[in-house]
Amino acid sequence: MSDAVLVALISGLCTLLGSLGGVIATSSLTSYRLKKLEEEVSKHNKVVERTFRLEGRMDEAEHELRDLKKFHQPH
């Protein structure tokens, strides 16, 4: 086998290994970032749900206050 062919094979192998390493690293980083993003979205959704529940409770409390005011007004 000539030196040029040997150098070409070694270069090709190193290029292949480098490319595979880059793909694996990028895939790992993308998976990590997606996991973190899903966690943040979950936290946000919990806050939104709590806000809707609190708004409902506030509406109920305001209605009760209105009813109490009407009940205690002099006739």
Protein backbone atom coordinates (compact mmCIF):
# COMPACT_ATOMS: atom_id res chain seq x y z
CA MET A 1 0.00 0.00 0.00
CA SER A 2 1.41 3.36 -0.95
CA ASP A 3 2.00 6.15 1.49
CA ALA A 4 -0.61 8.39 -0.18
CA VAL A 5 -3.34 5.76 0.18
CA LEU A 6 -2.40 5.14 3.81
CA VAL A 7 -2.47 8.88 4.58
CA ALA A 8 -5.85 9.20 2.80
CA LEU A 9 -7.31 6.31 4.81
CA ILE A 10 -6.02 7.68 8.12
CA SER A 11 -7.31 11.17 7.23
CA GLY A 12 -10.69 9.77 6.27
CA LEU A 13 -10.94 7.76 9.49
CA CYS A 14 -9.99 10.77 11.62
CA THR A 15 -12.50 12.93 9.77
CA LEU A 16 -15.21 10.33 10.31
CA LEU A 17 -14.43 10.03 14.02
CA GLY A 18 -14.38 13.81 14.43
CA SER A 19 -17.71 14.17 12.66
CA LEU A 20 -19.31 11.44 14.74
CA GLY A 21 -17.99 13.02 17.92
CA GLY A 22 -19.46 16.36 16.89
CA VAL A 23 -22.84 14.83 16.09
CA ILE A 24 -22.94 13.00 19.42
CA ALA A 25 -21.95 16.12 21.37
CA THR A 26 -24.52 18.26 19.56
CA SER A 27 -27.24 15.67 20.09
CA SER A 28 -26.43 15.44 23.78
CA LEU A 29 -26.48 19.22 24.19
CA THR A 30 -29.77 19.50 22.29
CA SER A 31 -31.36 16.83 24.49
CA TYR A 32 -30.15 18.60 27.64
CA ARG A 33 -31.49 21.96 26.48
CA LEU A 34 -34.86 20.45 25.51
CA LYS A 35 -35.14 18.84 28.95
CA LYS A 36 -34.44 22.18 30.65
CA LEU A 37 -36.93 23.95 28.39
CA GLU A 38 -39.61 21.36 29.21
CA GLU A 39 -38.97 21.94 32.92
CA GLU A 40 -39.38 25.70 32.50
CA VAL A 41 -42.59 25.27 30.49
CA SER A 42 -43.94 22.97 33.20
CA LYS A 43 -43.20 25.59 35.88
CA HIS A 44 -44.87 28.26 33.77
CA ASN A 45 -47.96 26.12 33.22
CA LYS A 46 -48.27 25.53 36.97
CA VAL A 47 -48.16 29.28 37.59
CA VAL A 48 -50.82 29.89 34.93
CA GLU A 49 -53.07 27.22 36.44
CA ARG A 50 -52.67 28.71 39.91
CA THR A 51 -53.42 32.17 38.56
CA PHE A 52 -56.67 30.98 36.95
CA ARG A 53 -57.73 29.33 40.21
CA LEU A 54 -56.92 32.46 42.19
CA GLU A 55 -58.85 34.63 39.74
CA GLY A 56 -61.86 32.35 40.17
CA ARG A 57 -61.62 32.58 43.92
CA MET A 58 -61.36 36.38 43.71
CA ASP A 59 -64.52 36.52 41.58
CA GLU A 60 -66.34 34.43 44.18
CA ALA A 61 -65.07 36.64 47.00
CA GLU A 62 -66.16 39.81 45.17
CA HIS A 63 -69.64 38.36 44.62
CA GLU A 64 -69.90 37.45 48.29
CA LEU A 65 -68.82 40.98 49.29
CA ARG A 66 -71.44 42.51 47.01
CA ASP A 67 -74.10 40.26 48.51
CA LEU A 68 -73.02 41.19 52.05
CA LYS A 69 -73.09 44.90 51.20
CA LYS A 70 -76.60 44.54 49.80
CA PHE A 71 -77.72 42.61 52.87
CA HIS A 72 -76.33 45.21 55.33
CA GLN A 73 -77.59 48.32 53.54
CA PRO A 74 -80.34 50.19 55.36
CA HIS A 75 -83.68 49.70 53.64
